[in-house]
Amino acid sequence: MTTERQDNILIPTTKGLQLEKTNNIQNICAEGSYCELMLISGAKHMISKNLSSLTKLLPSHTFFRIHTSVVINIAHIKEVIGTEVVMSNDCRFPIAQRRKKEFVDFLKRNSLSL
């Protein structure tokens, strides 16, 4: 895949298809066999794909599955408090206990540290 192709995602809507930059995705929450994409604009899109198949489409250096039902874009993290992630829109998501260490390591590898 080329970098350009990975930077965009086609989102099916009631009007057709919406081309969106992957960096504009803040988080994805699973809801059964559907997923809800939350964009930084505040727009939400319900997608008829499961979380595993959507995760495979996204850049692995930016998105992390912090919980069974939640994938976040680390570019939009405001802070990490204990076992919770606070996103730039103040949404809070729990970090699964068994994923906490892997998540912190992922952040260290993909972020600048002081």
Protein backbone atom coordinates (compact mmCIF):
# COMPACT_ATOMS: atom_id res chain seq x y z
CA MET A 1 0.00 0.00 0.00
CA THR A 2 1.18 3.51 -0.69
CA THR A 3 1.23 6.10 2.08
CA GLU A 4 -1.37 8.20 0.25
CA ARG A 5 -3.80 5.29 0.17
CA GLN A 6 -3.34 4.61 3.88
CA ASP A 7 -4.02 8.27 4.73
CA ASN A 8 -7.61 8.08 3.45
CA ILE A 9 -10.62 5.95 4.25
CA LEU A 10 -13.90 5.68 2.34
CA ILE A 11 -16.85 5.89 4.70
CA PRO A 12 -20.23 4.71 3.39
CA THR A 13 -22.98 7.22 4.19
CA THR A 14 -26.68 7.51 3.35
CA LYS A 15 -25.70 9.87 0.51
CA GLY A 16 -22.91 7.70 -0.93
CA LEU A 17 -19.24 7.61 0.07
CA GLN A 18 -17.28 10.13 2.12
CA LEU A 19 -13.51 10.32 1.73
CA GLU A 20 -11.90 11.10 5.07
CA LYS A 21 -8.30 11.33 6.27
CA THR A 22 -7.55 8.55 8.76
CA ASN A 23 -5.99 11.14 11.06
CA ASN A 24 -9.45 12.74 11.37
CA ILE A 25 -10.75 9.58 13.07
CA GLN A 26 -10.62 10.10 16.81
CA ASN A 27 -11.91 6.73 17.95
CA ILE A 28 -13.95 3.73 16.90
CA CYS A 29 -16.35 1.93 19.23
CA ALA A 30 -17.76 -1.52 18.54
CA GLU A 31 -21.48 -2.02 18.79
CA GLY A 32 -22.15 -5.67 18.02
CA SER A 33 -21.21 -6.36 14.40
CA TYR A 34 -21.24 -2.61 13.69
CA CYS A 35 -18.79 0.15 14.57
CA GLU A 36 -19.25 3.81 15.27
CA LEU A 37 -16.51 6.08 13.90
CA MET A 38 -16.13 9.37 15.76
CA LEU A 39 -14.39 12.07 13.74
CA ILE A 40 -12.59 15.06 15.26
CA SER A 41 -15.27 17.26 13.70
CA GLY A 42 -17.79 15.58 16.02
CA ALA A 43 -19.46 13.69 13.17
CA LYS A 44 -20.33 10.05 13.85
CA HIS A 45 -20.70 7.29 11.27
CA MET A 46 -22.17 3.83 11.86
CA ILE A 47 -20.27 1.26 9.77
CA SER A 48 -21.42 -2.31 9.10
CA LYS A 49 -17.99 -3.85 9.77
CA ASN A 50 -16.65 -5.33 12.96
CA LEU A 51 -13.83 -3.70 14.91
CA SER A 52 -11.20 -6.28 13.90
CA SER A 53 -11.70 -5.74 10.17
CA LEU A 54 -11.67 -1.95 10.55
CA THR A 55 -8.51 -2.06 12.67
CA LYS A 56 -6.68 -3.95 9.90
CA LEU A 57 -7.39 -1.06 7.50
CA LEU A 58 -5.94 1.66 9.74
CA PRO A 59 -2.28 2.70 10.13
CA SER A 60 -0.87 0.54 12.93
CA HIS A 61 1.48 3.27 14.22
CA THR A 62 -1.44 5.62 15.02
CA PHE A 63 -4.34 3.44 16.16
CA PHE A 64 -4.40 1.21 19.23
CA ARG A 65 -7.09 -1.11 20.58
CA ILE A 66 -7.21 -0.15 24.25
CA HIS A 67 -10.25 -2.26 25.06
CA THR A 68 -12.24 -5.07 23.47
CA SER A 69 -14.67 -2.53 22.05
CA VAL A 70 -12.54 0.63 21.59
CA VAL A 71 -9.80 1.68 19.16
CA ILE A 72 -8.29 5.14 19.57
CA ASN A 73 -6.11 7.40 17.46
CA ILE A 74 -3.15 8.32 19.69
CA ALA A 75 -2.82 11.66 17.87
CA HIS A 76 -5.99 12.78 19.66
CA ILE A 77 -5.13 11.76 23.23
CA LYS A 78 -5.31 14.61 25.69
CA GLU A 79 -4.01 12.63 28.67
CA VAL A 80 -3.80 9.22 30.29
CA ILE A 81 -5.03 9.10 33.88
CA GLY A 82 -4.55 5.76 35.61
CA THR A 83 -6.47 3.22 33.55
CA GLU A 84 -8.36 5.78 31.51
CA VAL A 85 -7.62 7.71 28.31
CA VAL A 86 -9.01 11.21 27.91
CA MET A 87 -9.40 12.24 24.28
CA SER A 88 -9.15 15.78 22.87
CA ASN A 89 -12.97 16.09 22.95
CA ASP A 90 -12.95 15.05 26.65
CA CYS A 91 -14.43 11.59 25.92
CA ARG A 92 -13.02 9.04 28.35
CA PHE A 93 -12.31 5.41 27.59
CA PRO A 94 -11.11 2.66 29.94
CA ILE A 95 -7.86 0.89 29.17
CA ALA A 96 -8.20 -2.87 29.62
CA GLN A 97 -5.97 -4.06 32.46
CA ARG A 98 -4.27 -6.64 30.25
CA ARG A 99 -3.52 -4.02 27.57
CA LYS A 100 -2.18 -1.24 29.84
CA LYS A 101 1.54 -2.12 29.63
CA GLU A 102 1.38 -2.77 25.87
CA PHE A 103 -0.44 0.57 25.44
CA VAL A 104 2.16 2.53 27.43
CA ASP A 105 4.96 0.85 25.41
CA PHE A 106 3.09 1.71 22.18
CA LEU A 107 2.83 5.36 23.23
CA LYS A 108 6.55 5.49 24.07
CA ARG A 109 7.48 4.01 20.66
CA ASN A 110 5.20 6.32 18.70
CA SER A 111 5.49 9.61 20.63
CA LEU A 112 8.19 12.00 21.72
CA SER A 113 9.05 11.61 25.41
CA LEU A 114 10.52 14.10 27.84
